Amino acid sequence: MVSQAQSITILMATYDGADFLEEQLQSLVDQRWERINVLASDDGSTDATLAILKDWQGRWSRGRFEIVRGPGAGFAENFRSLLCSSAFDADFVAFCDQDDVWGADKLCAAAARLGKVSPDCPALYSSRTEYISEDGVHLGYSPLFNGATSFRNAIVQNIGGGNTMVMNRAAFLLVGEGARRTGFVSHDWWSYLMVTGAGGRVIYDSVPRIAYRQHGGNLVGENTSIRAKIDRLKRMIAGQFSEWTERNTAGLNICADLLTPESRSILATFTDAKRSGLIARIAAVVRLRLYRQTFTGNVGLYVQALIGRL
């Protein structure tokens, strides 16, 4: 059971986000959860982002609001620095971008689902996403995933955007420990990998709880349009996915003692398969029962094994 007396800390990474930051922060104020702390890490903004953060800091009444200087090395390292913080000893921890709009029930929905898991078990909540245009017009939704969440999925696919993710304290401590040891491709994929790899619970909510704004400054955009799929195919053939999994497996091997024996075995076999010949690669995908959440995703997985781009 969860209680409004419990606190949620929001880890917000900002960089030149003044255009949409006010609306994002207002959606945090509109949350139906009472105790909300904000830890904002600004990565060297040259626009009005810092001024906006300081203004909100001065009138924030839901809990603590702190602003720290980011490492200045990109969004992944900025979120990594937040993961390495103490996060105010919060009961739950949420990632936050600078340009989205959260539904008012997002934190309540996440806390309710996480509250059904034992506090000792690392648990991660993620939801489907609504896509909106720069001026807030509805564009569509992220793919609906119905498959199981597991390390066998996580090692070849990230299913949730960081802007939808909320963790219980056990998961935050786990993911943060991993972040202190190694860098990663993205904070959301890393969180999915670590929680499933350690035998924790990942909860996927099919109801969209945030509006993800599409604009020229997005580092990661929507992935459902034909154009996005073609672009993803080109990047896969060029080896970008293989580079990502190389970084992920390297980081996971550094954190192997935090994983279950089964996850360590999957990791070792997958790491070897990436460097093996065609037959060994295909055999590893089959033997390990690796999978993605959609039919086309699984076809892509086997194509990558065929062409040496796991």
C-alpha atoms as a PDB file:
ATOM      1  CA  MET A   1       0.000   0.000   0.000  1.00  0.00           C
ATOM      2  CA  VAL A   2       1.149   3.520  -0.739  1.00  0.00           C
ATOM      3  CA  SER A   3       0.403   6.704   1.123  1.00  0.00           C
ATOM      4  CA  GLN A   4       0.419  10.377   0.175  1.00  0.00           C
ATOM      5  CA  ALA A   5       2.790  10.800   3.111  1.00  0.00           C
ATOM      6  CA  GLN A   6       5.460   9.103   0.999  1.00  0.00           C
ATOM      7  CA  SER A   7       7.685  11.301  -1.127  1.00  0.00           C
ATOM      8  CA  ILE A   8       8.526  11.217  -4.813  1.00  0.00           C
ATOM      9  CA  THR A   9      11.693  12.839  -6.109  1.00  0.00           C
ATOM     10  CA  ILE A  10      11.777  13.983  -9.721  1.00  0.00           C
ATOM     11  CA  LEU A  11      15.159  13.908 -11.446  1.00  0.00           C
ATOM     12  CA  MET A  12      15.045  16.556 -14.179  1.00  0.00           C
ATOM     13  CA  ALA A  13      17.799  17.068 -16.743  1.00  0.00           C
ATOM     14  CA  THR A  14      17.773  20.420 -18.563  1.00  0.00           C
ATOM     15  CA  TYR A  15      19.714  22.098 -21.348  1.00  0.00           C
ATOM     16  CA  ASP A  16      18.452  25.149 -23.245  1.00  0.00           C
ATOM     17  CA  GLY A  17      14.860  24.111 -22.606  1.00  0.00           C
ATOM     18  CA  ALA A  18      13.271  27.475 -21.928  1.00  0.00           C
ATOM     19  CA  ASP A  19      10.704  27.215 -24.728  1.00  0.00           C
ATOM     20  CA  PHE A  20       8.694  24.453 -23.060  1.00  0.00           C
ATOM     21  CA  LEU A  21      10.017  24.247 -19.504  1.00  0.00           C
ATOM     22  CA  GLU A  22       7.220  26.304 -17.945  1.00  0.00           C
ATOM     23  CA  GLU A  23       4.569  23.914 -19.242  1.00  0.00           C
ATOM     24  CA  GLN A  24       6.548  20.887 -18.074  1.00  0.00           C
ATOM     25  CA  LEU A  25       6.943  22.315 -14.572  1.00  0.00           C
ATOM     26  CA  GLN A  26       3.274  23.302 -14.408  1.00  0.00           C
ATOM     27  CA  SER A  27       2.346  19.691 -15.172  1.00  0.00           C
ATOM     28  CA  LEU A  28       4.479  18.646 -12.182  1.00  0.00           C
ATOM     29  CA  VAL A  29       2.597  21.078  -9.941  1.00  0.00           C
ATOM     30  CA  ASP A  30      -0.676  19.662 -11.260  1.00  0.00           C
ATOM     31  CA  GLN A  31       0.199  16.150 -10.080  1.00  0.00           C
ATOM     32  CA  ARG A  32      -2.277  14.692  -7.604  1.00  0.00           C
ATOM     33  CA  TRP A  33       0.569  13.484  -5.390  1.00  0.00           C
ATOM     34  CA  GLU A  34       1.297  15.696  -2.380  1.00  0.00           C
ATOM     35  CA  ARG A  35       4.993  15.340  -1.519  1.00  0.00           C
ATOM     36  CA  ILE A  36       7.156  16.020  -4.567  1.00  0.00           C
ATOM     37  CA  ASN A  37      10.825  16.964  -4.533  1.00  0.00           C
ATOM     38  CA  VAL A  38      12.609  18.217  -7.632  1.00  0.00           C
ATOM     39  CA  LEU A  39      16.321  17.829  -8.325  1.00  0.00           C
ATOM     40  CA  ALA A  40      17.159  19.668 -11.545  1.00  0.00           C
ATOM     41  CA  SER A  41      20.571  19.285 -13.179  1.00  0.00           C
ATOM     42  CA  ASP A  42      21.256  21.953 -15.772  1.00  0.00           C
ATOM     43  CA  ASP A  43      23.937  21.105 -18.306  1.00  0.00           C
ATOM     44  CA  GLY A  44      25.113  24.636 -19.073  1.00  0.00           C
ATOM     45  CA  SER A  45      22.058  26.330 -20.573  1.00  0.00           C
ATOM     46  CA  THR A  46      22.616  29.646 -22.323  1.00  0.00           C
ATOM     47  CA  ASP A  47      18.931  30.573 -22.628  1.00  0.00           C
ATOM     48  CA  ALA A  48      16.434  31.374 -19.863  1.00  0.00           C
ATOM     49  CA  THR A  49      16.309  27.803 -18.495  1.00  0.00           C
ATOM     50  CA  LEU A  50      18.186  28.588 -15.282  1.00  0.00           C
ATOM     51  CA  ALA A  51      16.111  31.690 -14.627  1.00  0.00           C
ATOM     52  CA  ILE A  52      12.918  29.673 -15.028  1.00  0.00           C
ATOM     53  CA  LEU A  53      14.197  26.951 -12.686  1.00  0.00           C
ATOM     54  CA  LYS A  54      15.193  29.514 -10.048  1.00  0.00           C
ATOM     55  CA  ASP A  55      11.795  31.203 -10.283  1.00  0.00           C
ATOM     56  CA  TRP A  56      10.025  27.889  -9.711  1.00  0.00           C
ATOM     57  CA  GLN A  57      12.449  27.012  -6.937  1.00  0.00           C
ATOM     58  CA  GLY A  58      11.431  30.136  -5.069  1.00  0.00           C
ATOM     59  CA  ARG A  59       7.741  29.252  -5.122  1.00  0.00           C
ATOM     60  CA  TRP A  60       7.832  25.471  -4.907  1.00  0.00           C
ATOM     61  CA  SER A  61       5.753  24.308  -1.932  1.00  0.00           C
ATOM     62  CA  ARG A  62       5.442  20.550  -2.470  1.00  0.00           C
ATOM     63  CA  GLY A  63       8.835  19.632  -1.029  1.00  0.00           C
ATOM     64  CA  ARG A  64      12.458  20.457  -1.805  1.00  0.00           C
ATOM     65  CA  PHE A  65      13.585  21.978  -5.090  1.00  0.00           C
ATOM     66  CA  GLU A  66      17.302  21.971  -5.806  1.00  0.00           C
ATOM     67  CA  ILE A  67      19.276  23.017  -8.863  1.00  0.00           C
ATOM     68  CA  VAL A  68      22.719  21.583  -9.521  1.00  0.00           C
ATOM     69  CA  ARG A  69      25.254  22.006 -12.285  1.00  0.00           C
ATOM     70  CA  GLY A  70      25.392  19.125 -14.745  1.00  0.00           C
ATOM     71  CA  PRO A  71      28.594  17.515 -16.042  1.00  0.00           C
ATOM     72  CA  GLY A  72      28.284  19.206 -19.448  1.00  0.00           C
ATOM     73  CA  ALA A  73      28.755  15.952 -21.350  1.00  0.00           C
ATOM     74  CA  GLY A  74      25.338  15.306 -22.913  1.00  0.00           C
ATOM     75  CA  PHE A  75      21.961  14.074 -21.749  1.00  0.00           C
ATOM     76  CA  ALA A  76      23.047  10.533 -20.790  1.00  0.00           C
ATOM     77  CA  GLU A  77      25.792  11.792 -18.490  1.00  0.00           C
ATOM     78  CA  ASN A  78      23.476  14.418 -17.069  1.00  0.00           C
ATOM     79  CA  PHE A  79      20.942  11.775 -16.066  1.00  0.00           C
ATOM     80  CA  ARG A  80      23.783   9.580 -14.850  1.00  0.00           C
ATOM     81  CA  SER A  81      24.893  12.360 -12.500  1.00  0.00           C
ATOM     82  CA  LEU A  82      21.332  12.554 -11.156  1.00  0.00           C
ATOM     83  CA  LEU A  83      21.235   8.796 -10.604  1.00  0.00           C
ATOM     84  CA  CYS A  84      24.412   9.108  -8.540  1.00  0.00           C
ATOM     85  CA  SER A  85      22.737  11.603  -6.198  1.00  0.00           C
ATOM     86  CA  SER A  86      21.078  10.800  -2.886  1.00  0.00           C
ATOM     87  CA  ALA A  87      17.660  11.802  -4.318  1.00  0.00           C
ATOM     88  CA  PHE A  88      16.534  13.107  -0.929  1.00  0.00           C
ATOM     89  CA  ASP A  89      15.977   9.566   0.443  1.00  0.00           C
ATOM     90  CA  ALA A  90      12.694   9.473  -1.470  1.00  0.00           C
ATOM     91  CA  ASP A  91      10.270   6.549  -1.502  1.00  0.00           C
ATOM     92  CA  PHE A  92       9.937   6.800  -5.283  1.00  0.00           C
ATOM     93  CA  VAL A  93      12.100   8.406  -7.971  1.00  0.00           C
ATOM     94  CA  ALA A  94      10.971   9.608 -11.417  1.00  0.00           C
ATOM     95  CA  PHE A  95      12.922  10.763 -14.466  1.00  0.00           C
ATOM     96  CA  CYS A  96      11.788  13.976 -16.135  1.00  0.00           C
ATOM     97  CA  ASP A  97      12.626  15.726 -19.400  1.00  0.00           C
ATOM     98  CA  GLN A  98      12.258  19.462 -19.922  1.00  0.00           C
ATOM     99  CA  ASP A  99       9.642  19.683 -22.652  1.00  0.00           C
ATOM    100  CA  ASP A 100       6.867  17.144 -22.020  1.00  0.00           C
ATOM    101  CA  VAL A 101       3.453  17.440 -20.390  1.00  0.00           C
ATOM    102  CA  TRP A 102       2.555  14.956 -17.660  1.00  0.00           C
ATOM    103  CA  GLY A 103      -0.989  13.801 -17.072  1.00  0.00           C
ATOM    104  CA  ALA A 104      -2.157  14.818 -13.606  1.00  0.00           C
ATOM    105  CA  ASP A 105      -2.496  11.193 -12.506  1.00  0.00           C
ATOM    106  CA  LYS A 106       0.924  10.005 -13.690  1.00  0.00           C
ATOM    107  CA  LEU A 107       2.655   9.827 -10.305  1.00  0.00           C
ATOM    108  CA  CYS A 108      -0.403   8.454  -8.506  1.00  0.00           C
ATOM    109  CA  ALA A 109      -0.788   5.710 -11.118  1.00  0.00           C
ATOM    110  CA  ALA A 110       2.891   4.802 -10.905  1.00  0.00           C
ATOM    111  CA  ALA A 111       2.991   4.788  -7.102  1.00  0.00           C
ATOM    112  CA  ALA A 112      -0.157   2.661  -6.899  1.00  0.00           C
ATOM    113  CA  ARG A 113       1.369   0.004  -9.169  1.00  0.00           C
ATOM    114  CA  LEU A 114       4.778   0.110  -7.486  1.00  0.00           C
ATOM    115  CA  GLY A 115       3.152  -0.068  -4.059  1.00  0.00           C
ATOM    116  CA  LYS A 116       1.947  -3.592  -4.816  1.00  0.00           C
ATOM    117  CA  VAL A 117       5.575  -4.786  -4.997  1.00  0.00           C
ATOM    118  CA  SER A 118       7.598  -5.566  -1.874  1.00  0.00           C
ATOM    119  CA  PRO A 119       9.800  -2.552  -1.007  1.00  0.00           C
ATOM    120  CA  ASP A 120      12.814  -4.861  -0.949  1.00  0.00           C
ATOM    121  CA  CYS A 121      12.301  -5.840  -4.599  1.00  0.00           C
ATOM    122  CA  PRO A 122      13.613  -3.386  -7.229  1.00  0.00           C
ATOM    123  CA  ALA A 123      10.581  -2.245  -9.231  1.00  0.00           C
ATOM    124  CA  LEU A 124      10.330   0.031 -12.255  1.00  0.00           C
ATOM    125  CA  TYR A 125       7.160   1.539 -13.739  1.00  0.00           C
ATOM    126  CA  SER A 126       6.884   2.700 -17.344  1.00  0.00           C
ATOM    127  CA  SER A 127       3.939   3.638 -19.534  1.00  0.00           C
ATOM    128  CA  ARG A 128       2.877   4.158 -23.087  1.00  0.00           C
ATOM    129  CA  THR A 129       3.352   7.666 -24.492  1.00  0.00           C
ATOM    130  CA  GLU A 130       1.197  10.137 -26.390  1.00  0.00           C
ATOM    131  CA  TYR A 131       3.029  12.115 -29.087  1.00  0.00           C
ATOM    132  CA  ILE A 132       2.200  15.794 -29.496  1.00  0.00           C
ATOM    133  CA  SER A 133       3.449  18.464 -31.862  1.00  0.00           C
ATOM    134  CA  GLU A 134       5.457  21.511 -30.851  1.00  0.00           C
ATOM    135  CA  ASP A 135       2.241  23.405 -30.203  1.00  0.00           C
ATOM    136  CA  GLY A 136       0.551  20.546 -28.340  1.00  0.00           C
ATOM    137  CA  VAL A 137      -1.532  18.919 -31.102  1.00  0.00           C
ATOM    138  CA  HIS A 138      -2.061  15.150 -30.762  1.00  0.00           C
ATOM    139  CA  LEU A 139       0.055  13.133 -33.240  1.00  0.00           C
ATOM    140  CA  GLY A 140      -0.356   9.540 -32.094  1.00  0.00           C
ATOM    141  CA  TYR A 141       0.903   7.037 -29.547  1.00  0.00           C
ATOM    142  CA  SER A 142       3.980   4.954 -28.944  1.00  0.00           C
ATOM    143  CA  PRO A 143       3.726   1.224 -29.785  1.00  0.00           C
ATOM    144  CA  LEU A 144       1.582  -0.864 -27.446  1.00  0.00           C
ATOM    145  CA  PHE A 145       3.660  -3.667 -25.934  1.00  0.00           C
ATOM    146  CA  ASN A 146       1.899  -6.798 -24.706  1.00  0.00           C
ATOM    147  CA  GLY A 147       4.877  -9.102 -24.193  1.00  0.00           C
ATOM    148  CA  ALA A 148       6.524  -9.952 -20.901  1.00  0.00           C
ATOM    149  CA  THR A 149       9.155  -7.637 -19.475  1.00  0.00           C
ATOM    150  CA  SER A 150      12.403  -9.491 -18.799  1.00  0.00           C
ATOM    151  CA  PHE A 151      16.173  -9.399 -19.158  1.00  0.00           C
ATOM    152  CA  ARG A 152      15.839 -11.527 -22.321  1.00  0.00           C
ATOM    153  CA  ASN A 153      13.891  -8.642 -23.814  1.00  0.00           C
ATOM    154  CA  ALA A 154      15.898  -5.835 -22.229  1.00  0.00           C
ATOM    155  CA  ILE A 155      19.232  -6.991 -23.629  1.00  0.00           C
ATOM    156  CA  VAL A 156      17.928  -6.400 -27.174  1.00  0.00           C
ATOM    157  CA  GLN A 157      15.238  -3.726 -26.682  1.00  0.00           C
ATOM    158  CA  ASN A 158      14.262  -0.834 -24.466  1.00  0.00           C
ATOM    159  CA  ILE A 159      10.488  -0.675 -24.085  1.00  0.00           C
ATOM    160  CA  GLY A 160       9.998   2.526 -22.090  1.00  0.00           C
ATOM    161  CA  GLY A 161      10.931   6.173 -22.384  1.00  0.00           C
ATOM    162  CA  GLY A 162      12.726   7.619 -19.390  1.00  0.00           C
ATOM    163  CA  ASN A 163      10.130  10.378 -19.207  1.00  0.00           C
ATOM    164  CA  THR A 164       7.536   7.730 -18.263  1.00  0.00           C
ATOM    165  CA  MET A 165       9.658   5.894 -15.691  1.00  0.00           C
ATOM    166  CA  VAL A 166       9.203   5.853 -11.915  1.00  0.00           C
ATOM    167  CA  MET A 167      11.227   3.593  -9.590  1.00  0.00           C
ATOM    168  CA  ASN A 168      10.830   2.436  -6.037  1.00  0.00           C
ATOM    169  CA  ARG A 169      13.755   3.113  -3.736  1.00  0.00           C
ATOM    170  CA  ALA A 170      15.240  -0.363  -4.136  1.00  0.00           C
ATOM    171  CA  ALA A 171      15.393   0.101  -7.910  1.00  0.00           C
ATOM    172  CA  PHE A 172      16.883   3.581  -7.590  1.00  0.00           C
ATOM    173  CA  LEU A 173      19.652   2.299  -5.325  1.00  0.00           C
ATOM    174  CA  LEU A 174      20.363  -0.558  -7.739  1.00  0.00           C
ATOM    175  CA  VAL A 175      20.379   1.556 -10.896  1.00  0.00           C
ATOM    176  CA  GLY A 176      22.357   4.265  -9.137  1.00  0.00           C
ATOM    177  CA  GLU A 177      25.017   1.809  -8.005  1.00  0.00           C
ATOM    178  CA  GLY A 178      25.409   0.673 -11.592  1.00  0.00           C
ATOM    179  CA  ALA A 179      25.599   4.286 -12.762  1.00  0.00           C
ATOM    180  CA  ARG A 180      28.392   5.021 -10.296  1.00  0.00           C
ATOM    181  CA  ARG A 181      30.449   2.223 -11.868  1.00  0.00           C
ATOM    182  CA  THR A 182      29.908   2.855 -15.574  1.00  0.00           C
ATOM    183  CA  GLY A 183      28.390   5.056 -18.237  1.00  0.00           C
ATOM    184  CA  PHE A 184      25.550   3.961 -20.500  1.00  0.00           C
ATOM    185  CA  VAL A 185      23.789   4.657 -23.790  1.00  0.00           C
ATOM    186  CA  SER A 186      20.650   6.035 -22.143  1.00  0.00           C
ATOM    187  CA  HIS A 187      19.281   6.183 -18.612  1.00  0.00           C
ATOM    188  CA  ASP A 188      15.992   4.496 -19.528  1.00  0.00           C
ATOM    189  CA  TRP A 189      17.472   1.462 -21.257  1.00  0.00           C
ATOM    190  CA  TRP A 190      20.038   1.135 -18.471  1.00  0.00           C
ATOM    191  CA  SER A 191      17.269   1.156 -15.867  1.00  0.00           C
ATOM    192  CA  TYR A 192      15.331  -1.553 -17.710  1.00  0.00           C
ATOM    193  CA  LEU A 193      18.482  -3.669 -18.031  1.00  0.00           C
ATOM    194  CA  MET A 194      19.533  -3.346 -14.399  1.00  0.00           C
ATOM    195  CA  VAL A 195      16.124  -3.948 -12.835  1.00  0.00           C
ATOM    196  CA  THR A 196      15.314  -7.011 -14.944  1.00  0.00           C
ATOM    197  CA  GLY A 197      18.904  -8.251 -14.732  1.00  0.00           C
ATOM    198  CA  ALA A 198      18.775  -8.150 -10.939  1.00  0.00           C
ATOM    199  CA  GLY A 199      15.517 -10.099 -10.847  1.00  0.00           C
ATOM    200  CA  GLY A 200      13.328  -7.079 -10.132  1.00  0.00           C
ATOM    201  CA  ARG A 201       9.870  -6.186 -11.452  1.00  0.00           C
ATOM    202  CA  VAL A 202       9.135  -3.994 -14.457  1.00  0.00           C
ATOM    203  CA  ILE A 203       5.563  -2.779 -14.804  1.00  0.00           C
ATOM    204  CA  TYR A 204       4.360  -1.590 -18.202  1.00  0.00           C
ATOM    205  CA  ASP A 205       1.214   0.554 -18.188  1.00  0.00           C
ATOM    206  CA  SER A 206      -0.679   0.489 -21.499  1.00  0.00           C
ATOM    207  CA  VAL A 207      -2.396   3.784 -20.613  1.00  0.00           C
ATOM    208  CA  PRO A 208      -0.435   6.851 -21.830  1.00  0.00           C
ATOM    209  CA  ARG A 209       0.432   9.066 -18.862  1.00  0.00           C
ATOM    210  CA  ILE A 210       2.571  11.723 -20.557  1.00  0.00           C
ATOM    211  CA  ALA A 211       2.528  13.792 -23.739  1.00  0.00           C
ATOM    212  CA  TYR A 212       5.925  13.615 -25.459  1.00  0.00           C
ATOM    213  CA  ARG A 213       6.548  16.754 -27.493  1.00  0.00           C
ATOM    214  CA  GLN A 214       8.049  16.386 -30.982  1.00  0.00           C
ATOM    215  CA  HIS A 215      10.197  19.324 -32.065  1.00  0.00           C
ATOM    216  CA  GLY A 216      13.512  20.168 -33.653  1.00  0.00           C
ATOM    217  CA  GLY A 217      15.423  19.928 -30.393  1.00  0.00           C
ATOM    218  CA  ASN A 218      14.432  16.349 -29.542  1.00  0.00           C
ATOM    219  CA  LEU A 219      17.382  14.014 -29.110  1.00  0.00           C
ATOM    220  CA  VAL A 220      15.081  10.993 -29.366  1.00  0.00           C
ATOM    221  CA  GLY A 221      11.891  11.301 -31.407  1.00  0.00           C
ATOM    222  CA  GLU A 222       8.827   9.198 -32.085  1.00  0.00           C
ATOM    223  CA  ASN A 223       9.335   5.783 -33.637  1.00  0.00           C
ATOM    224  CA  THR A 224       6.053   4.769 -35.253  1.00  0.00           C
ATOM    225  CA  SER A 225       6.009   6.665 -38.572  1.00  0.00           C
ATOM    226  CA  ILE A 226       7.240   5.133 -41.840  1.00  0.00           C
ATOM    227  CA  ARG A 227       9.999   7.712 -41.954  1.00  0.00           C
ATOM    228  CA  ALA A 228      11.124   6.827 -38.438  1.00  0.00           C
ATOM    229  CA  LYS A 229      11.109   3.109 -39.246  1.00  0.00           C
ATOM    230  CA  ILE A 230      13.191   3.631 -42.388  1.00  0.00           C
ATOM    231  CA  ASP A 231      15.634   5.770 -40.443  1.00  0.00           C
ATOM    232  CA  ARG A 232      15.859   3.097 -37.745  1.00  0.00           C
ATOM    233  CA  LEU A 233      16.546   0.440 -40.404  1.00  0.00           C
ATOM    234  CA  LYS A 234      19.348   2.520 -41.880  1.00  0.00           C
ATOM    235  CA  ARG A 235      20.923   3.020 -38.476  1.00  0.00           C
ATOM    236  CA  MET A 236      20.617  -0.684 -37.704  1.00  0.00           C
ATOM    237  CA  ILE A 237      22.381  -1.658 -40.945  1.00  0.00           C
ATOM    238  CA  ALA A 238      25.067   0.941 -40.270  1.00  0.00           C
ATOM    239  CA  GLY A 239      25.750  -0.729 -36.929  1.00  0.00           C
ATOM    240  CA  GLN A 240      24.353   1.795 -34.449  1.00  0.00           C
ATOM    241  CA  PHE A 241      22.340  -0.822 -32.563  1.00  0.00           C
ATOM    242  CA  SER A 242      25.426  -3.041 -32.358  1.00  0.00           C
ATOM    243  CA  GLU A 243      27.388  -0.134 -30.901  1.00  0.00           C
ATOM    244  CA  TRP A 244      24.660   0.437 -28.326  1.00  0.00           C
ATOM    245  CA  THR A 245      24.535  -3.199 -27.233  1.00  0.00           C
ATOM    246  CA  GLU A 246      28.343  -3.219 -27.085  1.00  0.00           C
ATOM    247  CA  ARG A 247      28.247  -0.370 -24.582  1.00  0.00           C
ATOM    248  CA  ASN A 248      25.382  -1.974 -22.674  1.00  0.00           C
ATOM    249  CA  THR A 249      27.108  -5.352 -22.359  1.00  0.00           C
ATOM    250  CA  ALA A 250      30.379  -3.714 -21.333  1.00  0.00           C
ATOM    251  CA  GLY A 251      28.580  -1.824 -18.571  1.00  0.00           C
ATOM    252  CA  LEU A 252      26.603  -4.855 -17.466  1.00  0.00           C
ATOM    253  CA  ASN A 253      29.783  -6.931 -17.201  1.00  0.00           C
ATOM    254  CA  ILE A 254      31.190  -4.297 -14.851  1.00  0.00           C
ATOM    255  CA  CYS A 255      28.027  -4.710 -12.768  1.00  0.00           C
ATOM    256  CA  ALA A 256      27.793  -8.498 -13.072  1.00  0.00           C
ATOM    257  CA  ASP A 257      27.793  -9.001  -9.299  1.00  0.00           C
ATOM    258  CA  LEU A 258      24.480  -7.083  -9.131  1.00  0.00           C
ATOM    259  CA  LEU A 259      22.781  -9.475 -11.552  1.00  0.00           C
ATOM    260  CA  THR A 260      21.169 -12.854 -10.957  1.00  0.00           C
ATOM    261  CA  PRO A 261      23.089 -15.992 -11.993  1.00  0.00           C
ATOM    262  CA  GLU A 262      20.639 -16.505 -14.871  1.00  0.00           C
ATOM    263  CA  SER A 263      21.167 -12.944 -16.111  1.00  0.00           C
ATOM    264  CA  ARG A 264      24.935 -13.322 -15.899  1.00  0.00           C
ATOM    265  CA  SER A 265      24.698 -16.469 -18.007  1.00  0.00           C
ATOM    266  CA  ILE A 266      22.543 -14.710 -20.631  1.00  0.00           C
ATOM    267  CA  LEU A 267      24.937 -11.765 -20.646  1.00  0.00           C
ATOM    268  CA  ALA A 268      28.011 -13.979 -21.124  1.00  0.00           C
ATOM    269  CA  THR A 269      26.453 -15.921 -23.999  1.00  0.00           C
ATOM    270  CA  PHE A 270      25.167 -12.766 -25.695  1.00  0.00           C
ATOM    271  CA  THR A 271      28.546 -11.044 -25.328  1.00  0.00           C
ATOM    272  CA  ASP A 272      30.283 -14.020 -26.949  1.00  0.00           C
ATOM    273  CA  ALA A 273      27.660 -14.237 -29.706  1.00  0.00           C
ATOM    274  CA  LYS A 274      28.271 -10.649 -30.778  1.00  0.00           C
ATOM    275  CA  ARG A 275      31.827 -11.673 -31.685  1.00  0.00           C
ATOM    276  CA  SER A 276      30.985 -15.069 -33.174  1.00  0.00           C
ATOM    277  CA  GLY A 277      30.178 -16.327 -36.664  1.00  0.00           C
ATOM    278  CA  LEU A 278      26.774 -16.496 -38.330  1.00  0.00           C
ATOM    279  CA  ILE A 279      25.657 -19.898 -37.047  1.00  0.00           C
ATOM    280  CA  ALA A 280      26.746 -19.137 -33.486  1.00  0.00           C
ATOM    281  CA  ARG A 281      24.920 -15.798 -33.525  1.00  0.00           C
ATOM    282  CA  ILE A 282      21.640 -17.295 -34.711  1.00  0.00           C
ATOM    283  CA  ALA A 283      21.990 -20.213 -32.312  1.00  0.00           C
ATOM    284  CA  ALA A 284      22.550 -17.851 -29.381  1.00  0.00           C
ATOM    285  CA  VAL A 285      19.403 -15.818 -30.127  1.00  0.00           C
ATOM    286  CA  VAL A 286      17.372 -19.033 -30.330  1.00  0.00           C
ATOM    287  CA  ARG A 287      18.938 -20.740 -27.313  1.00  0.00           C
ATOM    288  CA  LEU A 288      18.682 -17.678 -25.088  1.00  0.00           C
ATOM    289  CA  ARG A 289      15.077 -17.062 -26.229  1.00  0.00           C
ATOM    290  CA  LEU A 290      15.818 -13.397 -26.834  1.00  0.00           C
ATOM    291  CA  TYR A 291      12.852 -11.420 -28.088  1.00  0.00           C
ATOM    292  CA  ARG A 292      11.412  -8.030 -28.879  1.00  0.00           C
ATOM    293  CA  GLN A 293       7.875  -6.910 -28.229  1.00  0.00           C
ATOM    294  CA  THR A 294       6.566  -6.950 -31.816  1.00  0.00           C
ATOM    295  CA  PHE A 295       6.682  -9.319 -34.799  1.00  0.00           C
ATOM    296  CA  THR A 296       8.603  -6.821 -36.928  1.00  0.00           C
ATOM    297  CA  GLY A 297      10.975  -6.213 -34.059  1.00  0.00           C
ATOM    298  CA  ASN A 298      11.751  -9.920 -33.842  1.00  0.00           C
ATOM    299  CA  VAL A 299      12.287 -10.097 -37.606  1.00  0.00           C
ATOM    300  CA  GLY A 300      14.736  -7.230 -37.232  1.00  0.00           C
ATOM    301  CA  LEU A 301      16.518  -9.057 -34.420  1.00  0.00           C
ATOM    302  CA  TYR A 302      17.179 -12.090 -36.619  1.00  0.00           C
ATOM    303  CA  VAL A 303      18.239  -9.870 -39.521  1.00  0.00           C
ATOM    304  CA  GLN A 304      20.765  -8.226 -37.223  1.00  0.00           C
ATOM    305  CA  ALA A 305      22.067 -11.629 -36.175  1.00  0.00           C
ATOM    306  CA  LEU A 306      22.366 -12.595 -39.873  1.00  0.00           C
ATOM    307  CA  ILE A 307      24.360  -9.511 -40.866  1.00  0.00           C
ATOM    308  CA  GLY A 308      26.514  -9.364 -37.748  1.00  0.00           C
ATOM    309  CA  ARG A 309      24.865  -6.329 -36.161  1.00  0.00           C
ATOM    310  CA  LEU A 310      23.703  -7.779 -32.825  1.00  0.00           C
END
